[in-house]
Structure formats: structure tokens, C-alpha cells
């Protein structure tokens, strides 16, 4: 006599539950924003203390003055 308590294969049922379904189509990556002309980038830079004091001595705007000096040194 065949028992009807478990008419299905438990292994097959478990495989159906835990198996990956059909692959979902992935959305295309969002487009990268266009670069802003003249935008500045934040960087970490190690500078000698006396050089930093020289640029900071004239007060606010020292980063702009340092940027101008670097541009001139680079020939830009």
C-alpha cells in the first residue's frame, strides 16, 4: 500500500523554493552627470608648514592664492 501523506518529492519542493528564478533584466546604469566647467576638486596635500603660513598670512582667500601660484608654476 502506498502512503498518500507525502505525494510529492520533498527534495524537488525544496529545490523549487531555493533555486534562482529566471534572471531579471538589469536596468542600465544611470548616466554620469556632465562635468561642470571650472569645477574644483577636493584633495589632501601635505605642504611644509612655512609654505602654508606664507599663503595664510594674508588672510581669507589663501587657497585661491595657492591655486594661482600652482597654476603659474605649472605654466597654465
PDB file of N, CA and C in Angstrom:
ATOM      1  N   UNK A   1       0.834  -1.169   0.000  1.00  0.00           N
ATOM      2  CA  UNK A   1       0.000   0.000   0.000  1.00  0.00           C
ATOM      3  C   UNK A   1       0.890   1.246   0.000  1.00  0.00           C
ATOM      4  N   UNK A   2       0.545   2.222  -0.818  1.00  0.00           N
ATOM      5  CA  UNK A   2       1.317   3.447  -0.952  1.00  0.00           C
ATOM      6  C   UNK A   2       0.703   4.514  -0.072  1.00  0.00           C
ATOM      7  N   UNK A   3       1.535   5.192   0.706  1.00  0.00           N
ATOM      8  CA  UNK A   3       1.050   6.244   1.595  1.00  0.00           C
ATOM      9  C   UNK A   3       0.806   7.511   0.774  1.00  0.00           C
ATOM     10  N   UNK A   4      -0.254   8.205   1.110  1.00  0.00           N
ATOM     11  CA  UNK A   4      -0.580   9.446   0.401  1.00  0.00           C
ATOM     12  C   UNK A   4      -0.263  10.675   1.245  1.00  0.00           C
ATOM     13  N   UNK A   5       0.439  10.476   2.360  1.00  0.00           N
ATOM     14  CA  UNK A   5       0.773  11.618   3.208  1.00  0.00           C
ATOM     15  C   UNK A   5       1.733  12.562   2.504  1.00  0.00           C
ATOM     16  N   UNK A   6       2.641  12.022   1.734  1.00  0.00           N
ATOM     17  CA  UNK A   6       3.609  12.849   1.012  1.00  0.00           C
ATOM     18  C   UNK A   6       3.569  12.465  -0.467  1.00  0.00           C
ATOM     19  N   UNK A   7       2.617  13.017  -1.156  1.00  0.00           N
ATOM     20  CA  UNK A   7       2.507  12.619  -2.548  1.00  0.00           C
ATOM     21  C   UNK A   7       3.598  13.247  -3.435  1.00  0.00           C
ATOM     22  N   UNK A   8       4.269  14.284  -2.928  1.00  0.00           N
ATOM     23  CA  UNK A   8       5.270  14.964  -3.737  1.00  0.00           C
ATOM     24  C   UNK A   8       6.664  14.691  -3.197  1.00  0.00           C
ATOM     25  N   UNK A   9       7.658  14.964  -3.983  1.00  0.00           N
ATOM     26  CA  UNK A   9       9.047  14.759  -3.622  1.00  0.00           C
ATOM     27  C   UNK A   9       9.530  15.978  -2.825  1.00  0.00           C
ATOM     28  N   UNK A  10       9.898  15.828  -1.541  1.00  0.00           N
ATOM     29  CA  UNK A  10      10.317  16.984  -0.744  1.00  0.00           C
ATOM     30  C   UNK A  10      11.592  17.633  -1.268  1.00  0.00           C
ATOM     31  N   UNK A  11      12.493  16.848  -1.852  1.00  0.00           N
ATOM     32  CA  UNK A  11      13.717  17.407  -2.397  1.00  0.00           C
ATOM     33  C   UNK A  11      13.393  18.353  -3.559  1.00  0.00           C
ATOM     34  N   UNK A  12      12.512  17.935  -4.423  1.00  0.00           N
ATOM     35  CA  UNK A  12      12.122  18.761  -5.568  1.00  0.00           C
ATOM     36  C   UNK A  12      11.425  20.036  -5.085  1.00  0.00           C
ATOM     37  N   UNK A  13      10.597  19.917  -4.044  1.00  0.00           N
ATOM     38  CA  UNK A  13       9.922  21.102  -3.494  1.00  0.00           C
ATOM     39  C   UNK A  13      10.937  22.091  -2.925  1.00  0.00           C
ATOM     40  N   UNK A  14      11.946  21.594  -2.197  1.00  0.00           N
ATOM     41  CA  UNK A  14      12.971  22.461  -1.627  1.00  0.00           C
ATOM     42  C   UNK A  14      13.784  23.125  -2.739  1.00  0.00           C
ATOM     43  N   UNK A  15      14.122  22.371  -3.768  1.00  0.00           N
ATOM     44  CA  UNK A  15      14.859  22.943  -4.889  1.00  0.00           C
ATOM     45  C   UNK A  15      14.058  24.052  -5.555  1.00  0.00           C
ATOM     46  N   UNK A  16      12.759  23.869  -5.688  1.00  0.00           N
ATOM     47  CA  UNK A  16      11.920  24.881  -6.317  1.00  0.00           C
ATOM     48  C   UNK A  16      11.870  26.151  -5.483  1.00  0.00           C
ATOM     49  N   UNK A  17      11.882  26.018  -4.159  1.00  0.00           N
ATOM     50  CA  UNK A  17      11.813  27.189  -3.278  1.00  0.00           C
ATOM     51  C   UNK A  17      13.127  27.959  -3.285  1.00  0.00           C
ATOM     52  N   UNK A  18      14.240  27.248  -3.215  1.00  0.00           N
ATOM     53  CA  UNK A  18      15.535  27.906  -3.065  1.00  0.00           C
ATOM     54  C   UNK A  18      16.297  28.133  -4.366  1.00  0.00           C
ATOM     55  N   UNK A  19      15.803  27.628  -5.462  1.00  0.00           N
ATOM     56  CA  UNK A  19      16.527  27.834  -6.713  1.00  0.00           C
ATOM     57  C   UNK A  19      16.273  29.244  -7.223  1.00  0.00           C
ATOM     58  N   UNK A  20      17.236  29.722  -7.978  1.00  0.00           N
ATOM     59  CA  UNK A  20      17.088  31.046  -8.557  1.00  0.00           C
ATOM     60  C   UNK A  20      16.076  30.970  -9.685  1.00  0.00           C
ATOM     61  N   UNK A  21      15.245  31.950  -9.732  1.00  0.00           N
ATOM     62  CA  UNK A  21      14.259  32.030 -10.805  1.00  0.00           C
ATOM     63  C   UNK A  21      14.918  32.574 -12.056  1.00  0.00           C
ATOM     64  N   UNK A  22      14.128  32.868 -13.036  1.00  0.00           N
ATOM     65  CA  UNK A  22      14.711  33.424 -14.257  1.00  0.00           C
ATOM     66  C   UNK A  22      15.380  34.763 -13.963  1.00  0.00           C
ATOM     67  N   UNK A  23      16.462  35.009 -14.634  1.00  0.00           N
ATOM     68  CA  UNK A  23      17.219  36.238 -14.403  1.00  0.00           C
ATOM     69  C   UNK A  23      16.385  37.446 -14.802  1.00  0.00           C
ATOM     70  N   UNK A  24      16.354  38.431 -13.916  1.00  0.00           N
ATOM     71  CA  UNK A  24      15.620  39.654 -14.210  1.00  0.00           C
ATOM     72  C   UNK A  24      16.524  40.551 -15.043  1.00  0.00           C
ATOM     73  N   UNK A  25      15.972  41.185 -16.041  1.00  0.00           N
ATOM     74  CA  UNK A  25      16.821  42.096 -16.820  1.00  0.00           C
ATOM     75  C   UNK A  25      17.234  43.279 -15.949  1.00  0.00           C
ATOM     76  N   UNK A  26      18.521  43.562 -15.972  1.00  0.00           N
ATOM     77  CA  UNK A  26      19.001  44.660 -15.137  1.00  0.00           C
ATOM     78  C   UNK A  26      18.787  45.981 -15.857  1.00  0.00           C
ATOM     79  N   UNK A  27      18.502  47.000 -15.074  1.00  0.00           N
ATOM     80  CA  UNK A  27      18.313  48.329 -15.640  1.00  0.00           C
ATOM     81  C   UNK A  27      19.668  48.894 -16.042  1.00  0.00           C
ATOM     82  N   UNK A  28      19.717  49.664 -17.095  1.00  0.00           N
ATOM     83  CA  UNK A  28      21.012  50.245 -17.479  1.00  0.00           C
ATOM     84  C   UNK A  28      21.463  51.220 -16.401  1.00  0.00           C
ATOM     85  N   UNK A  29      22.779  51.356 -16.215  1.00  0.00           N
ATOM     86  CA  UNK A  29      23.262  52.269 -15.183  1.00  0.00           C
ATOM     87  C   UNK A  29      22.863  53.701 -15.523  1.00  0.00           C
ATOM     88  N   UNK A  30      22.610  54.515 -14.501  1.00  0.00           N
ATOM     89  CA  UNK A  30      22.229  55.896 -14.784  1.00  0.00           C
ATOM     90  C   UNK A  30      23.386  56.637 -15.444  1.00  0.00           C
ATOM     91  N   UNK A  31      23.088  57.569 -16.310  1.00  0.00           N
ATOM     92  CA  UNK A  31      24.178  58.298 -16.974  1.00  0.00           C
ATOM     93  C   UNK A  31      24.937  59.156 -15.977  1.00  0.00           C
ATOM     94  N   UNK A  32      26.237  59.282 -16.227  1.00  0.00           N
ATOM     95  CA  UNK A  32      27.064  60.099 -15.343  1.00  0.00           C
ATOM     96  C   UNK A  32      26.756  61.561 -15.611  1.00  0.00           C
ATOM     97  N   UNK A  33      26.701  62.371 -14.569  1.00  0.00           N
ATOM     98  CA  UNK A  33      26.431  63.788 -14.800  1.00  0.00           C
ATOM     99  C   UNK A  33      27.586  64.439 -15.567  1.00  0.00           C
ATOM    100  N   UNK A  34      27.238  65.415 -16.358  1.00  0.00           N
ATOM    101  CA  UNK A  34      28.261  66.117 -17.132  1.00  0.00           C
ATOM    102  C   UNK A  34      29.160  66.905 -16.186  1.00  0.00           C
ATOM    103  N   UNK A  35      30.425  66.972 -16.532  1.00  0.00           N
ATOM    104  CA  UNK A  35      31.384  67.707 -15.712  1.00  0.00           C
ATOM    105  C   UNK A  35      31.050  69.197 -15.750  1.00  0.00           C
ATOM    106  N   UNK A  36      31.175  69.829 -14.618  1.00  0.00           N
ATOM    107  CA  UNK A  36      30.927  71.259 -14.523  1.00  0.00           C
ATOM    108  C   UNK A  36      32.207  71.978 -14.907  1.00  0.00           C
ATOM    109  N   UNK A  37      32.151  72.864 -15.899  1.00  0.00           N
ATOM    110  CA  UNK A  37      33.375  73.564 -16.297  1.00  0.00           C
ATOM    111  C   UNK A  37      33.907  74.426 -15.154  1.00  0.00           C
ATOM    112  N   UNK A  38      35.189  74.356 -14.935  1.00  0.00           N
ATOM    113  CA  UNK A  38      35.809  75.168 -13.890  1.00  0.00           C
ATOM    114  C   UNK A  38      35.583  74.660 -12.484  1.00  0.00           C
ATOM    115  N   UNK A  39      35.021  73.452 -12.343  1.00  0.00           N
ATOM    116  CA  UNK A  39      34.777  72.909 -11.006  1.00  0.00           C
ATOM    117  C   UNK A  39      36.098  72.537 -10.352  1.00  0.00           C
ATOM    118  N   UNK A  40      36.144  72.659  -9.067  1.00  0.00           N
ATOM    119  CA  UNK A  40      37.355  72.305  -8.328  1.00  0.00           C
ATOM    120  C   UNK A  40      37.165  70.961  -7.661  1.00  0.00           C
ATOM    121  N   UNK A  41      38.275  70.320  -7.380  1.00  0.00           N
ATOM    122  CA  UNK A  41      38.248  69.009  -6.748  1.00  0.00           C
ATOM    123  C   UNK A  41      38.957  69.094  -5.412  1.00  0.00           C
ATOM    124  N   UNK A  42      38.355  68.485  -4.407  1.00  0.00           N
ATOM    125  CA  UNK A  42      38.954  68.465  -3.078  1.00  0.00           C
ATOM    126  C   UNK A  42      40.032  67.383  -3.031  1.00  0.00           C
ATOM    127  N   UNK A  43      41.217  67.761  -2.554  1.00  0.00           N
ATOM    128  CA  UNK A  43      42.333  66.811  -2.431  1.00  0.00           C
ATOM    129  C   UNK A  43      43.007  67.004  -1.077  1.00  0.00           C
ATOM    130  N   UNK A  44      43.769  66.021  -0.686  1.00  0.00           N
ATOM    131  CA  UNK A  44      44.595  66.136   0.517  1.00  0.00           C
ATOM    132  C   UNK A  44      46.029  66.296   0.040  1.00  0.00           C
ATOM    133  N   UNK A  45      46.696  67.316   0.569  1.00  0.00           N
ATOM    134  CA  UNK A  45      48.039  67.633   0.111  1.00  0.00           C
ATOM    135  C   UNK A  45      48.896  67.978   1.316  1.00  0.00           C
ATOM    136  N   UNK A  46      50.064  67.389   1.400  1.00  0.00           N
ATOM    137  CA  UNK A  46      50.976  67.696   2.501  1.00  0.00           C
ATOM    138  C   UNK A  46      51.904  68.822   2.060  1.00  0.00           C
ATOM    139  N   UNK A  47      51.862  69.933   2.798  1.00  0.00           N
ATOM    140  CA  UNK A  47      52.648  71.117   2.469  1.00  0.00           C
ATOM    141  C   UNK A  47      53.466  71.492   3.694  1.00  0.00           C
ATOM    142  N   UNK A  48      54.673  71.935   3.460  1.00  0.00           N
ATOM    143  CA  UNK A  48      55.508  72.380   4.576  1.00  0.00           C
ATOM    144  C   UNK A  48      54.802  73.516   5.319  1.00  0.00           C
ATOM    145  N   UNK A  49      54.987  73.524   6.634  1.00  0.00           N
ATOM    146  CA  UNK A  49      54.292  74.484   7.490  1.00  0.00           C
ATOM    147  C   UNK A  49      54.615  75.932   7.113  1.00  0.00           C
ATOM    148  N   UNK A  50      55.877  76.234   6.791  1.00  0.00           N
ATOM    149  CA  UNK A  50      56.230  77.617   6.455  1.00  0.00           C
ATOM    150  C   UNK A  50      55.580  78.077   5.152  1.00  0.00           C
ATOM    151  N   UNK A  51      55.399  77.148   4.202  1.00  0.00           N
ATOM    152  CA  UNK A  51      54.728  77.494   2.942  1.00  0.00           C
ATOM    153  C   UNK A  51      53.253  77.787   3.214  1.00  0.00           C
ATOM    154  N   UNK A  52      52.635  76.965   4.019  1.00  0.00           N
ATOM    155  CA  UNK A  52      51.230  77.169   4.361  1.00  0.00           C
ATOM    156  C   UNK A  52      51.041  78.493   5.102  1.00  0.00           C
ATOM    157  N   UNK A  53      51.915  78.782   6.043  1.00  0.00           N
ATOM    158  CA  UNK A  53      51.822  80.047   6.787  1.00  0.00           C
ATOM    159  C   UNK A  53      51.980  81.243   5.855  1.00  0.00           C
ATOM    160  N   UNK A  54      52.854  81.122   4.844  1.00  0.00           N
ATOM    161  CA  UNK A  54      53.052  82.207   3.882  1.00  0.00           C
ATOM    162  C   UNK A  54      51.736  82.537   3.165  1.00  0.00           C
ATOM    163  N   UNK A  55      51.033  81.514   2.695  1.00  0.00           N
ATOM    164  CA  UNK A  55      49.790  81.753   1.963  1.00  0.00           C
ATOM    165  C   UNK A  55      48.661  82.181   2.890  1.00  0.00           C
ATOM    166  N   UNK A  56      48.648  81.699   4.125  1.00  0.00           N
ATOM    167  CA  UNK A  56      47.585  82.055   5.065  1.00  0.00           C
ATOM    168  C   UNK A  56      47.818  83.419   5.714  1.00  0.00           C
ATOM    169  N   UNK A  57      49.014  83.969   5.607  1.00  0.00           N
ATOM    170  CA  UNK A  57      49.348  85.232   6.277  1.00  0.00           C
ATOM    171  C   UNK A  57      48.474  86.391   5.798  1.00  0.00           C
ATOM    172  N   UNK A  58      48.052  86.384   4.543  1.00  0.00           N
ATOM    173  CA  UNK A  58      47.235  87.473   4.009  1.00  0.00           C
ATOM    174  C   UNK A  58      45.748  87.286   4.287  1.00  0.00           C
ATOM    175  N   UNK A  59      45.395  86.249   5.020  1.00  0.00           N
ATOM    176  CA  UNK A  59      44.001  86.049   5.422  1.00  0.00           C
ATOM    177  C   UNK A  59      43.196  85.208   4.439  1.00  0.00           C
ATOM    178  N   UNK A  60      41.869  85.391   4.494  1.00  0.00           N
ATOM    179  CA  UNK A  60      40.983  84.582   3.644  1.00  0.00           C
ATOM    180  C   UNK A  60      41.357  84.692   2.168  1.00  0.00           C
ATOM    181  N   UNK A  61      41.119  83.601   1.452  1.00  0.00           N
ATOM    182  CA  UNK A  61      41.468  83.540   0.038  1.00  0.00           C
ATOM    183  C   UNK A  61      42.809  82.875  -0.204  1.00  0.00           C
ATOM    184  N   UNK A  62      43.419  82.341   0.860  1.00  0.00           N
ATOM    185  CA  UNK A  62      44.735  81.735   0.716  1.00  0.00           C
ATOM    186  C   UNK A  62      44.713  80.538  -0.235  1.00  0.00           C
ATOM    187  N   UNK A  63      43.597  79.807  -0.276  1.00  0.00           N
ATOM    188  CA  UNK A  63      43.530  78.652  -1.177  1.00  0.00           C
ATOM    189  C   UNK A  63      43.522  79.113  -2.639  1.00  0.00           C
ATOM    190  N   UNK A  64      42.816  80.221  -2.903  1.00  0.00           N
ATOM    191  CA  UNK A  64      42.817  80.765  -4.264  1.00  0.00           C
ATOM    192  C   UNK A  64      44.217  81.252  -4.650  1.00  0.00           C
ATOM    193  N   UNK A  65      44.909  81.898  -3.713  1.00  0.00           N
ATOM    194  CA  UNK A  65      46.269  82.367  -3.990  1.00  0.00           C
ATOM    195  C   UNK A  65      47.216  81.196  -4.232  1.00  0.00           C
ATOM    196  N   UNK A  66      47.036  80.131  -3.450  1.00  0.00           N
ATOM    197  CA  UNK A  66      47.883  78.957  -3.632  1.00  0.00           C
ATOM    198  C   UNK A  66      47.579  78.297  -4.979  1.00  0.00           C
ATOM    199  N   UNK A  67      46.319  78.252  -5.356  1.00  0.00           N
ATOM    200  CA  UNK A  67      45.935  77.687  -6.644  1.00  0.00           C
ATOM    201  C   UNK A  67      46.556  78.497  -7.788  1.00  0.00           C
ATOM    202  N   UNK A  68      46.528  79.832  -7.666  1.00  0.00           N
ATOM    203  CA  UNK A  68      47.122  80.690  -8.690  1.00  0.00           C
ATOM    204  C   UNK A  68      48.633  80.458  -8.791  1.00  0.00           C
ATOM    205  N   UNK A  69      49.291  80.294  -7.650  1.00  0.00           N
ATOM    206  CA  UNK A  69      50.734  80.047  -7.656  1.00  0.00           C
ATOM    207  C   UNK A  69      51.051  78.691  -8.292  1.00  0.00           C
ATOM    208  N   UNK A  70      50.240  77.693  -8.033  1.00  0.00           N
ATOM    209  CA  UNK A  70      50.442  76.364  -8.630  1.00  0.00           C
ATOM    210  C   UNK A  70      50.190  76.413 -10.141  1.00  0.00           C
ATOM    211  N   UNK A  71      49.175  77.173 -10.557  1.00  0.00           N
ATOM    212  CA  UNK A  71      48.897  77.317 -11.989  1.00  0.00           C
ATOM    213  C   UNK A  71      50.098  77.982 -12.692  1.00  0.00           C
ATOM    214  N   UNK A  72      50.622  79.032 -12.084  1.00  0.00           N
ATOM    215  CA  UNK A  72      51.759  79.738 -12.676  1.00  0.00           C
ATOM    216  C   UNK A  72      52.981  78.817 -12.753  1.00  0.00           C
ATOM    217  N   UNK A  73      53.212  78.040 -11.690  1.00  0.00           N
ATOM    218  CA  UNK A  73      54.354  77.124 -11.674  1.00  0.00           C
ATOM    219  C   UNK A  73      54.198  76.011 -12.722  1.00  0.00           C
ATOM    220  N   UNK A  74      52.951  75.625 -12.991  1.00  0.00           N
ATOM    221  CA  UNK A  74      52.705  74.579 -13.978  1.00  0.00           C
ATOM    222  C   UNK A  74      52.660  75.131 -15.402  1.00  0.00           C
ATOM    223  N   UNK A  75      52.658  76.458 -15.526  1.00  0.00           N
ATOM    224  CA  UNK A  75      52.614  77.075 -16.841  1.00  0.00           C
ATOM    225  C   UNK A  75      51.238  77.040 -17.473  1.00  0.00           C
ATOM    226  N   UNK A  76      50.232  77.050 -16.648  1.00  0.00           N
ATOM    227  CA  UNK A  76      48.838  77.028 -17.160  1.00  0.00           C
ATOM    228  C   UNK A  76      48.234  78.411 -17.207  1.00  0.00           C
TER     229      UNK A  76
END
